[in-house]
N, C-alpha and C. Protein backbone atom coordinates (compact mmCIF):
# COMPACT_ATOMS: atom_id res chain seq x y z
N UNK A 1 69.37 -144.50 60.03
CA UNK A 1 69.05 -144.52 58.59
C UNK A 1 70.20 -144.97 57.73
N UNK A 2 70.50 -145.78 56.98
CA UNK A 2 71.88 -145.86 56.38
C UNK A 2 71.57 -145.03 54.98
N UNK A 3 72.53 -144.68 54.41
CA UNK A 3 72.97 -143.78 53.48
C UNK A 3 72.68 -144.62 52.10
N UNK A 4 71.82 -144.14 51.35
CA UNK A 4 71.60 -144.88 49.86
C UNK A 4 72.84 -145.33 49.13
N UNK A 5 72.74 -146.61 48.47
CA UNK A 5 73.83 -147.06 48.10
C UNK A 5 73.89 -146.45 46.66
N UNK A 6 74.87 -146.51 45.77
CA UNK A 6 74.84 -145.80 44.76
C UNK A 6 74.99 -147.24 43.57
N UNK A 7 74.18 -147.30 42.37
CA UNK A 7 73.96 -148.50 41.56
C UNK A 7 75.46 -148.68 40.83
N UNK A 8 75.91 -149.72 40.79
CA UNK A 8 76.98 -149.96 39.90
C UNK A 8 76.92 -149.58 38.53
N UNK A 9 75.82 -149.22 37.77
CA UNK A 9 76.12 -148.81 36.52
C UNK A 9 76.21 -147.33 36.62
N UNK A 10 75.64 -146.61 37.78
CA UNK A 10 76.02 -145.15 37.79
C UNK A 10 77.19 -144.91 38.05
N UNK A 11 77.85 -145.67 38.93
CA UNK A 11 79.27 -145.69 39.26
C UNK A 11 80.38 -145.59 38.24
N UNK A 12 80.02 -146.52 37.19
CA UNK A 12 80.88 -146.83 35.93
C UNK A 12 80.74 -145.74 34.94
N UNK A 13 79.35 -145.42 34.95
CA UNK A 13 79.35 -144.26 34.00
C UNK A 13 79.89 -143.05 34.54
N UNK A 14 79.79 -142.76 35.81
CA UNK A 14 80.71 -141.70 36.29
C UNK A 14 81.96 -141.49 36.13
N UNK A 15 82.61 -142.86 36.08
CA UNK A 15 83.97 -143.08 36.07
C UNK A 15 84.43 -142.76 34.50
N UNK A 16 83.65 -143.11 33.86
CA UNK A 16 84.09 -142.72 32.10
C UNK A 16 83.72 -141.00 32.43
N UNK A 17 82.72 -140.46 32.61
CA UNK A 17 82.71 -139.03 32.77
C UNK A 17 84.07 -138.48 33.28
N UNK A 18 84.73 -139.13 34.58
CA UNK A 18 85.47 -138.32 35.49
C UNK A 18 87.13 -138.74 34.53
N UNK A 19 87.25 -139.73 33.63
CA UNK A 19 88.04 -139.67 32.95
C UNK A 19 88.30 -138.72 31.80
N UNK A 20 86.93 -138.39 31.31
CA UNK A 20 87.12 -137.55 30.47
C UNK A 20 87.61 -136.09 30.96
N UNK A 21 87.08 -135.69 31.98
CA UNK A 21 87.47 -134.63 32.90
C UNK A 21 88.91 -134.37 33.05
N UNK A 22 89.46 -135.54 33.25
CA UNK A 22 90.74 -135.54 33.55
C UNK A 22 91.76 -135.38 32.27
N UNK A 23 91.38 -135.67 31.28
CA UNK A 23 91.85 -135.57 30.12
C UNK A 23 91.70 -134.27 29.40
N UNK A 24 91.33 -133.33 30.05
CA UNK A 24 90.72 -131.98 29.37
C UNK A 24 91.28 -131.02 30.54
N UNK A 25 92.45 -130.38 30.12
CA UNK A 25 92.89 -129.11 31.01
C UNK A 25 91.58 -128.41 31.89
N UNK A 26 90.43 -128.56 31.46
CA UNK A 26 89.40 -127.79 32.43
C UNK A 26 89.68 -127.68 33.86
N UNK A 27 89.90 -129.20 34.20
CA UNK A 27 90.22 -129.18 35.65
C UNK A 27 91.31 -128.15 36.22
N UNK A 28 92.31 -127.90 35.36
CA UNK A 28 93.57 -127.24 36.03
C UNK A 28 93.27 -125.81 36.50
N UNK A 29 92.08 -125.28 35.79
CA UNK A 29 91.53 -123.89 36.42
C UNK A 29 90.33 -123.62 37.44
N UNK A 30 89.86 -124.95 37.61
CA UNK A 30 88.67 -125.45 38.39
C UNK A 30 89.10 -126.09 39.94
N UNK A 31 89.04 -125.19 40.86
CA UNK A 31 89.52 -125.52 42.05
C UNK A 31 88.82 -126.78 42.74
N UNK A 32 87.51 -126.69 42.38
CA UNK A 32 86.65 -127.82 42.94
C UNK A 32 86.94 -129.01 41.93
N UNK A 33 87.24 -129.09 40.88
CA UNK A 33 87.64 -130.32 40.30
C UNK A 33 88.95 -130.85 40.80
N UNK A 34 89.99 -129.83 41.00
CA UNK A 34 91.09 -130.23 41.69
C UNK A 34 90.96 -131.19 42.71
N UNK A 35 90.05 -130.32 43.62
CA UNK A 35 89.90 -131.21 44.71
C UNK A 35 89.37 -132.48 44.79
N UNK A 36 88.57 -132.76 43.65
CA UNK A 36 87.96 -134.01 43.21
C UNK A 36 89.12 -134.87 43.48
N UNK A 37 90.17 -134.89 42.39
CA UNK A 37 91.43 -135.66 42.21
C UNK A 37 92.27 -135.60 43.26
N UNK A 38 92.35 -134.68 44.22
CA UNK A 38 93.28 -134.49 45.56
C UNK A 38 92.62 -135.52 46.39
N UNK A 39 91.19 -135.48 46.38
CA UNK A 39 90.65 -136.26 47.17
C UNK A 39 90.55 -137.52 47.03
N UNK A 40 90.60 -137.88 45.92
CA UNK A 40 90.49 -139.48 45.49
C UNK A 40 91.78 -140.14 45.51
N UNK A 41 92.97 -139.39 45.54
CA UNK A 41 94.24 -140.03 45.85
C UNK A 41 95.13 -138.81 46.42
N UNK A 42 95.47 -138.36 47.69
CA UNK A 42 96.24 -137.44 48.17
C UNK A 42 97.58 -137.71 47.86
N UNK A 43 97.98 -138.82 47.86
CA UNK A 43 99.39 -139.42 47.65
C UNK A 43 99.84 -139.07 46.02
N UNK A 44 99.04 -139.66 45.22
CA UNK A 44 99.30 -139.48 44.11
C UNK A 44 98.98 -138.23 43.57
N UNK A 45 98.19 -137.48 44.13
CA UNK A 45 98.10 -136.25 43.42
C UNK A 45 99.52 -135.41 44.03
N UNK A 46 99.95 -135.24 45.12
CA UNK A 46 101.19 -134.95 45.22
C UNK A 46 102.26 -135.11 44.49
N UNK A 47 102.35 -136.57 44.49
CA UNK A 47 103.28 -137.56 43.72
C UNK A 47 103.66 -137.17 42.16
N UNK A 48 102.79 -136.95 41.79
CA UNK A 48 102.54 -136.70 40.23
C UNK A 48 102.51 -135.11 40.07
N UNK A 49 102.85 -134.24 40.95
CA UNK A 49 102.81 -132.77 40.83
C UNK A 49 101.38 -132.19 40.14
N UNK A 50 100.46 -132.83 40.65
CA UNK A 50 98.83 -132.37 40.73
C UNK A 50 98.32 -132.52 39.23
N UNK A 51 98.77 -134.01 38.67
CA UNK A 51 98.45 -134.32 37.48
C UNK A 51 97.23 -135.44 37.56
N UNK A 52 96.05 -134.94 37.24
CA UNK A 52 94.67 -135.62 37.23
C UNK A 52 94.82 -137.00 36.26
N UNK A 53 95.24 -136.69 35.24
CA UNK A 53 95.38 -138.00 34.37
C UNK A 53 96.04 -139.18 34.94
N UNK A 54 97.29 -138.81 35.56
CA UNK A 54 98.32 -139.54 36.29
C UNK A 54 97.36 -140.35 37.82
N UNK A 55 96.90 -139.52 38.36
CA UNK A 55 95.84 -140.10 39.60
C UNK A 55 94.99 -140.79 39.21
N UNK A 56 94.28 -140.95 37.93
CA UNK A 56 93.23 -141.69 37.20
C UNK A 56 94.23 -143.07 36.92
N UNK A 57 95.37 -142.93 36.46
CA UNK A 57 95.93 -144.11 35.90
C UNK A 57 96.47 -144.54 36.95
N UNK A 58 97.12 -144.19 38.14
CA UNK A 58 97.30 -144.87 39.55
C UNK A 58 96.47 -145.80 40.31
N UNK A 59 95.18 -145.05 40.43
CA UNK A 59 93.83 -145.43 41.21
C UNK A 59 93.68 -146.74 40.73
N UNK A 60 93.18 -147.63 41.34
CA UNK A 60 92.98 -148.76 40.89
C UNK A 60 91.13 -148.74 40.65
N UNK A 61 90.52 -149.70 39.41
CA UNK A 61 89.26 -149.48 39.30
C UNK A 61 88.49 -150.06 40.51
N UNK A 62 89.04 -150.83 41.34
CA UNK A 62 88.40 -151.26 42.53
C UNK A 62 88.20 -149.90 43.37
N UNK A 63 89.44 -149.37 43.72
CA UNK A 63 89.52 -148.54 44.64
C UNK A 63 88.50 -147.19 44.11
N UNK A 64 88.63 -146.91 43.04
CA UNK A 64 87.96 -145.61 42.26
C UNK A 64 86.04 -146.04 42.49
N UNK A 65 85.98 -147.18 42.22
CA UNK A 65 84.57 -147.90 42.23
C UNK A 65 84.18 -147.66 43.66
N UNK A 66 84.97 -148.01 44.88
CA UNK A 66 84.59 -148.22 45.92
C UNK A 66 84.60 -146.62 46.55
N UNK A 67 85.12 -145.56 46.11
CA UNK A 67 85.30 -144.20 46.54
C UNK A 67 83.98 -143.61 46.23
N UNK A 68 83.37 -144.04 44.65
CA UNK A 68 82.18 -143.48 44.18
C UNK A 68 81.08 -144.10 44.85
N UNK A 69 80.99 -145.32 45.55
CA UNK A 69 79.93 -145.84 46.23
C UNK A 69 79.62 -144.81 47.42
N UNK A 70 80.45 -144.00 47.97
CA UNK A 70 80.04 -143.04 49.15
C UNK A 70 79.24 -142.31 48.33
N UNK A 71 77.82 -142.01 48.60
CA UNK A 71 76.91 -140.89 47.85
C UNK A 71 77.41 -139.69 48.06
N UNK A 72 77.91 -139.23 49.26
CA UNK A 72 78.58 -137.71 49.29
C UNK A 72 79.38 -137.61 48.13
N UNK A 73 80.62 -138.41 48.19
CA UNK A 73 81.52 -138.08 47.09
C UNK A 73 80.96 -138.43 45.71
N UNK A 74 80.07 -139.27 45.38
CA UNK A 74 79.56 -139.66 44.09
C UNK A 74 78.91 -138.26 43.77
N UNK A 75 77.78 -137.52 44.59
CA UNK A 75 77.25 -136.44 44.15
C UNK A 75 78.18 -135.05 44.02
N UNK A 76 79.31 -135.19 44.58
CA UNK A 76 80.52 -133.95 44.44
C UNK A 76 80.97 -133.96 43.13
N UNK A 77 81.34 -135.60 42.82
CA UNK A 77 82.03 -135.70 41.40
C UNK A 77 81.04 -135.58 40.14
N UNK A 78 80.03 -136.07 40.49
CA UNK A 78 78.97 -135.98 39.41
C UNK A 78 78.63 -134.42 39.09
N UNK A 79 78.71 -133.43 40.03
CA UNK A 79 78.45 -132.07 40.22
C UNK A 79 79.52 -131.29 39.13
N UNK A 80 80.92 -132.08 39.34
CA UNK A 80 81.91 -131.44 38.45
C UNK A 80 81.79 -131.85 37.20
N UNK A 81 81.40 -133.09 36.92
CA UNK A 81 81.17 -133.42 35.57
C UNK A 81 80.29 -133.10 34.86
N UNK A 82 79.12 -132.52 35.49
CA UNK A 82 78.21 -131.97 34.90
C UNK A 82 78.35 -130.23 34.57
N UNK A 83 78.90 -129.76 35.44
CA UNK A 83 79.90 -128.39 35.13
C UNK A 83 80.57 -128.45 34.31
N UNK A 84 81.86 -129.45 33.82
CA UNK A 84 82.60 -129.57 32.62
C UNK A 84 81.67 -129.76 31.52
N UNK A 85 80.60 -130.91 31.42
CA UNK A 85 80.20 -130.63 30.39
C UNK A 85 79.14 -129.59 29.87
N UNK A 86 78.64 -128.79 30.51
CA UNK A 86 78.23 -127.37 30.49
C UNK A 86 78.92 -126.45 29.97
N UNK A 87 80.33 -126.34 30.63
CA UNK A 87 81.28 -125.75 30.04
C UNK A 87 81.81 -126.26 28.55
N UNK A 88 81.85 -127.29 28.25
CA UNK A 88 82.36 -127.99 26.71
C UNK A 88 81.30 -127.79 25.92
N UNK A 89 79.67 -127.81 26.17
CA UNK A 89 78.88 -127.65 25.58
C UNK A 89 78.42 -126.27 24.97
N UNK A 90 78.98 -125.33 25.72
CA UNK A 90 78.42 -123.91 25.56
C UNK A 90 78.70 -123.20 23.86
N UNK A 91 77.41 -123.05 23.59
CA UNK A 91 77.22 -122.89 22.33
C UNK A 91 77.36 -121.28 21.94
N UNK A 92 76.93 -120.54 22.69
CA UNK A 92 76.93 -119.02 22.39
C UNK A 92 78.35 -118.52 23.32
N UNK A 93 79.41 -118.62 22.22
CA UNK A 93 80.74 -118.14 22.57
C UNK A 93 80.99 -116.76 21.58
N UNK A 94 82.01 -116.30 21.95
CA UNK A 94 82.58 -115.20 21.06
C UNK A 94 82.87 -115.75 19.90
N UNK A 95 83.51 -116.84 19.94
CA UNK A 95 84.08 -117.36 18.47
C UNK A 95 83.03 -118.12 17.64
N UNK A 96 82.23 -118.64 18.14
CA UNK A 96 80.86 -118.98 17.61
C UNK A 96 80.11 -117.79 16.75
N UNK A 97 80.09 -116.63 17.41
CA UNK A 97 79.68 -115.39 16.76
C UNK A 97 80.07 -114.78 15.86
N UNK A 98 81.52 -114.45 16.31
CA UNK A 98 82.12 -113.71 15.45
C UNK A 98 83.32 -114.40 14.49
N UNK A 99 83.69 -115.52 14.84
CA UNK A 99 84.38 -116.24 13.95
C UNK A 99 84.01 -117.70 13.81
N UNK A 100 83.04 -117.88 13.12
CA UNK A 100 82.41 -119.19 12.90
C UNK A 100 83.31 -120.39 12.27
N UNK A 101 84.04 -119.30 11.21
CA UNK A 101 84.81 -120.14 10.32
C UNK A 101 86.11 -120.79 10.83
N UNK A 102 86.46 -120.61 11.82
CA UNK A 102 87.46 -121.33 12.76
C UNK A 102 87.29 -122.60 12.86
N UNK A 103 85.89 -122.69 13.26
CA UNK A 103 85.69 -124.47 13.46
C UNK A 103 86.31 -125.24 12.55
N UNK A 104 86.16 -124.79 11.32
CA UNK A 104 86.83 -125.71 9.94
C UNK A 104 88.40 -125.44 10.05
N UNK A 105 88.82 -124.28 10.36
CA UNK A 105 90.32 -123.99 10.44
C UNK A 105 90.61 -123.36 11.42
N UNK A 106 91.22 -124.17 12.32
CA UNK A 106 91.73 -123.33 13.63
C UNK A 106 92.71 -122.72 13.56
N UNK A 107 93.06 -121.86 14.73
CA UNK A 107 94.34 -121.18 14.77
C UNK A 107 95.28 -122.13 15.20
N UNK A 108 96.25 -121.73 14.65
CA UNK A 108 97.80 -122.57 14.80
C UNK A 108 98.62 -121.52 15.67
N UNK A 109 98.92 -122.03 16.60
CA UNK A 109 99.57 -120.96 17.76
C UNK A 109 100.92 -121.68 18.26
N UNK A 110 101.94 -121.21 17.56
CA UNK A 110 103.64 -121.70 17.72
C UNK A 110 104.26 -120.92 18.71
N UNK A 111 104.68 -121.87 19.59
CA UNK A 111 105.46 -121.21 20.94
C UNK A 111 106.52 -122.10 21.13
N UNK A 112 107.48 -121.66 21.86
CA UNK A 112 108.58 -122.39 22.10
C UNK A 112 108.14 -123.16 23.35
N UNK A 113 107.27 -122.79 24.42
CA UNK A 113 106.56 -123.43 25.51
C UNK A 113 105.24 -123.18 25.62
N UNK A 114 104.44 -123.90 26.55
CA UNK A 114 103.11 -123.64 27.09
C UNK A 114 102.99 -123.87 28.63
N UNK A 115 102.91 -122.83 29.06
CA UNK A 115 102.70 -122.99 30.59
C UNK A 115 101.03 -123.12 30.98
N UNK A 116 100.67 -124.34 30.54
CA UNK A 116 99.60 -124.71 30.73
C UNK A 116 99.20 -125.24 32.63
N UNK A 117 99.81 -126.08 33.10
CA UNK A 117 99.96 -126.36 34.10
C UNK A 117 100.78 -126.61 34.89
N UNK A 118 101.52 -126.91 36.08
CA UNK A 118 102.74 -127.44 36.66
C UNK A 118 102.74 -128.72 36.49
N UNK A 119 101.86 -129.47 36.24
CA UNK A 119 101.87 -130.77 36.04
C UNK A 119 102.76 -131.36 34.55
N UNK A 120 102.47 -130.41 33.77
CA UNK A 120 103.08 -130.26 32.32
C UNK A 120 104.29 -129.61 32.12
N UNK A 121 105.13 -130.21 32.20
CA UNK A 121 106.63 -129.54 32.02
C UNK A 121 107.11 -129.29 31.09
N UNK A 122 106.23 -128.44 30.35
CA UNK A 122 106.92 -128.07 28.93
C UNK A 122 106.88 -126.26 28.79
N UNK A 123 107.26 -125.86 30.08
CA UNK A 123 107.53 -124.41 30.06
C UNK A 123 108.34 -124.23 31.39
N UNK A 124 109.20 -122.82 31.19
CA UNK A 124 109.96 -122.65 32.29
C UNK A 124 109.75 -121.15 32.58
N UNK A 125 109.29 -120.47 31.86
CA UNK A 125 108.82 -118.88 32.17
C UNK A 125 108.16 -118.07 31.59
N UNK A 126 108.27 -116.83 31.81
CA UNK A 126 107.32 -115.81 31.04
C UNK A 126 106.34 -116.19 29.66
N UNK A 127 107.45 -116.65 28.67
CA UNK A 127 106.77 -116.91 27.40
C UNK A 127 105.85 -118.01 27.31
N UNK A 128 106.15 -119.22 28.15
CA UNK A 128 105.31 -120.12 28.53
C UNK A 128 104.13 -119.82 29.11
N UNK A 129 103.92 -118.93 30.41
CA UNK A 129 102.91 -118.75 30.75
C UNK A 129 102.00 -117.67 30.11
N UNK A 130 102.73 -116.99 28.93
CA UNK A 130 102.17 -115.90 28.18
C UNK A 130 101.03 -116.82 27.49
N UNK A 131 101.82 -117.86 26.66
CA UNK A 131 101.20 -118.97 25.58
C UNK A 131 100.23 -119.55 26.46
N UNK A 132 100.21 -120.09 27.62
CA UNK A 132 99.08 -120.66 28.38
C UNK A 132 98.14 -119.69 28.57
N UNK A 133 98.57 -118.43 29.03
CA UNK A 133 97.07 -117.49 29.19
C UNK A 133 96.55 -117.20 27.79
N UNK A 134 97.19 -117.26 26.95
CA UNK A 134 96.49 -117.09 25.26
C UNK A 134 95.60 -118.30 25.18
N UNK A 135 95.93 -119.52 25.38
CA UNK A 135 95.36 -120.68 25.26
C UNK A 135 94.16 -120.69 26.02
N UNK A 136 94.32 -120.32 27.30
CA UNK A 136 92.97 -120.30 28.48
C UNK A 136 92.13 -119.11 27.79
N UNK A 137 92.43 -118.08 27.28
CA UNK A 137 91.50 -117.10 26.85
C UNK A 137 90.68 -117.84 25.40
N UNK A 138 91.56 -118.43 24.61
CA UNK A 138 90.66 -118.84 23.36
C UNK A 138 89.75 -120.05 23.96
N UNK A 139 90.16 -120.78 24.81
CA UNK A 139 89.10 -121.69 25.19
C UNK A 139 87.78 -120.91 25.88
N UNK A 140 88.13 -119.99 26.63
CA UNK A 140 87.23 -119.37 27.09
C UNK A 140 86.20 -118.41 26.28
N UNK A 141 86.83 -118.06 25.32
CA UNK A 141 86.16 -117.42 24.14
C UNK A 141 85.36 -118.28 22.83
N UNK A 142 86.11 -119.56 23.11
CA UNK A 142 85.38 -120.81 22.22
C UNK A 142 86.25 -120.46 20.68
N UNK A 143 87.22 -120.18 20.96
CA UNK A 143 88.03 -119.90 19.66
C UNK A 143 89.00 -120.86 19.61
N UNK A 144 88.67 -121.98 18.52
CA UNK A 144 89.44 -123.01 18.13
C UNK A 144 90.82 -122.97 17.85
N UNK A 145 91.85 -123.36 18.64
CA UNK A 145 93.06 -123.18 18.96
C UNK A 145 94.08 -124.34 18.75
N UNK A 146 94.85 -124.72 18.10
CA UNK A 146 96.04 -125.66 18.13
C UNK A 146 97.10 -125.29 18.72
N UNK A 147 97.93 -125.73 19.90
CA UNK A 147 99.16 -125.21 20.20
C UNK A 147 99.99 -126.19 19.82
N UNK A 148 101.51 -125.68 19.21
CA UNK A 148 102.30 -126.46 18.57
C UNK A 148 103.73 -126.05 19.48
N UNK A 149 104.35 -127.06 19.83
CA UNK A 149 105.67 -126.50 20.86
C UNK A 149 106.47 -127.73 20.48
N UNK A 150 107.53 -127.61 20.99
CA UNK A 150 108.46 -128.60 21.12
C UNK A 150 108.67 -129.60 22.26
N UNK A 151 108.85 -130.89 22.14
CA UNK A 151 108.65 -131.74 23.30
C UNK A 151 110.23 -131.97 24.11
N UNK A 152 110.00 -131.44 25.34
CA UNK A 152 111.16 -131.41 25.93
C UNK A 152 111.57 -132.80 26.65
N UNK A 153 112.47 -133.75 26.41
CA UNK A 153 112.36 -135.16 26.97
C UNK A 153 112.31 -134.84 28.36
N UNK A 154 113.15 -134.09 28.83
CA UNK A 154 113.23 -133.81 30.41
C UNK A 154 112.54 -132.64 30.94
N UNK A 155 111.89 -131.63 30.32
CA UNK A 155 111.33 -130.25 30.81
C UNK A 155 112.31 -129.75 31.60
N UNK A 156 111.67 -128.96 32.38
CA UNK A 156 112.60 -127.87 33.28
C UNK A 156 113.22 -128.58 34.24
N UNK A 157 114.09 -128.18 34.93
CA UNK A 157 114.89 -129.00 36.01
C UNK A 157 114.05 -128.28 37.47
N UNK A 158 114.10 -129.40 38.46
CA UNK A 158 113.67 -128.83 39.93
C UNK A 158 114.82 -128.31 40.70
N UNK A 159 114.96 -127.52 41.30
CA UNK A 159 115.73 -127.07 42.33
C UNK A 159 115.69 -127.34 43.72
N UNK A 160 116.63 -127.67 44.43
CA UNK A 160 116.40 -127.66 45.81
C UNK A 160 117.58 -127.08 46.57
N UNK A 161 117.65 -126.65 47.41
CA UNK A 161 119.04 -126.01 48.13
C UNK A 161 119.27 -127.16 49.09
N UNK A 162 120.72 -127.65 49.06
CA UNK A 162 121.27 -128.62 50.11
C UNK A 162 121.59 -128.01 51.36
N UNK A 163 121.62 -128.75 52.24
CA UNK A 163 121.68 -128.36 53.63
C UNK A 163 123.20 -127.46 53.60
N UNK A 164 123.86 -127.61 53.07
CA UNK A 164 125.11 -126.51 53.32
C UNK A 164 125.03 -125.38 52.26
N UNK A 165 123.89 -125.37 51.58
CA UNK A 165 123.33 -123.96 50.75
C UNK A 165 123.64 -124.07 49.19
N UNK A 166 124.05 -125.25 48.88
CA UNK A 166 123.99 -125.11 47.46
C UNK A 166 123.00 -125.89 46.72
N UNK A 167 122.94 -125.25 45.32
CA UNK A 167 121.77 -125.77 44.50
C UNK A 167 122.01 -127.43 43.98
N UNK A 168 120.85 -128.01 44.05
CA UNK A 168 120.82 -129.28 43.67
C UNK A 168 119.79 -129.28 42.43
N UNK A 169 120.31 -129.67 41.32
CA UNK A 169 119.17 -129.94 40.26
C UNK A 169 118.78 -131.31 40.13
N UNK A 170 117.81 -131.60 39.83
CA UNK A 170 116.96 -132.81 39.17
C UNK A 170 116.48 -132.75 38.09
N UNK A 171 116.56 -133.33 37.01
CA UNK A 171 116.00 -133.40 35.85
C UNK A 171 115.24 -134.54 35.57
N UNK A 172 113.67 -134.14 35.90
CA UNK A 172 112.55 -135.26 36.07
C UNK A 172 112.39 -135.78 34.26
N UNK A 173 112.25 -137.00 34.10
CA UNK A 173 111.90 -137.22 32.91
C UNK A 173 110.34 -137.21 32.39
N UNK A 174 110.09 -136.76 31.28
CA UNK A 174 108.72 -136.24 30.88
C UNK A 174 108.13 -137.74 30.63
N UNK A 175 108.70 -138.72 30.03
CA UNK A 175 108.08 -140.21 29.92
C UNK A 175 109.39 -140.76 30.16
N UNK A 176 108.79 -142.16 30.51
CA UNK A 176 109.54 -143.61 30.97
C UNK A 176 110.71 -143.42 29.71
N UNK A 177 109.96 -143.84 28.53
CA UNK A 177 110.67 -144.03 27.46
C UNK A 177 111.94 -142.95 26.98
N UNK A 178 111.55 -141.67 27.39
CA UNK A 178 112.59 -140.47 27.19
C UNK A 178 113.53 -140.80 28.09
N UNK A 179 113.67 -141.25 29.20
CA UNK A 179 114.45 -141.57 30.22
C UNK A 179 115.54 -142.45 29.97
N UNK A 180 115.09 -143.82 29.46
CA UNK A 180 115.73 -144.89 28.92
C UNK A 180 116.72 -144.33 27.72
N UNK A 181 116.29 -143.66 26.94
CA UNK A 181 117.28 -142.80 25.88
C UNK A 181 118.16 -142.06 26.34
N UNK A 182 118.23 -141.64 27.40
CA UNK A 182 119.04 -140.35 27.85
C UNK A 182 120.06 -141.11 28.84
N UNK A 183 119.54 -142.08 29.43
CA UNK A 183 120.47 -142.84 30.44
C UNK A 183 121.30 -143.66 29.82
């Protein structure tokens, strides 16, 4: 018996839902969501330092539709998108109960860096990780928070050790535009 094919309109709706997931850092602390993007394109997942937005940008619409036409993968992605929507629609949070006024006037969090995910090169150490932990906790508590930081055109450097034991630094550019202005 052949597997049921997924209707094109359902595939297109799920692509929009998946784009919404990719543009929210929720996926960065959800291993099942990370697996979806890794499974979609192992090459781009690794090449972009595990960046869901970049995976979605690099995978063609035709390839994405083709992958989602597989009923098993479709069901897996659908479950992730539903889990994301449930998280985002959470009405009974600590913030909504004890700090409802923050919905109109969110907390402004100033930090020199935010360690949100390895694919976002806007941190280099403890301060950034602490700020990232605060942002994650605020999200889980339902406390509206706006993070404000500096934009480092080249982020932190990548370090490799050469065959003869010397440190080799590489400063990857955060955006194509910032690379042109540096070069």
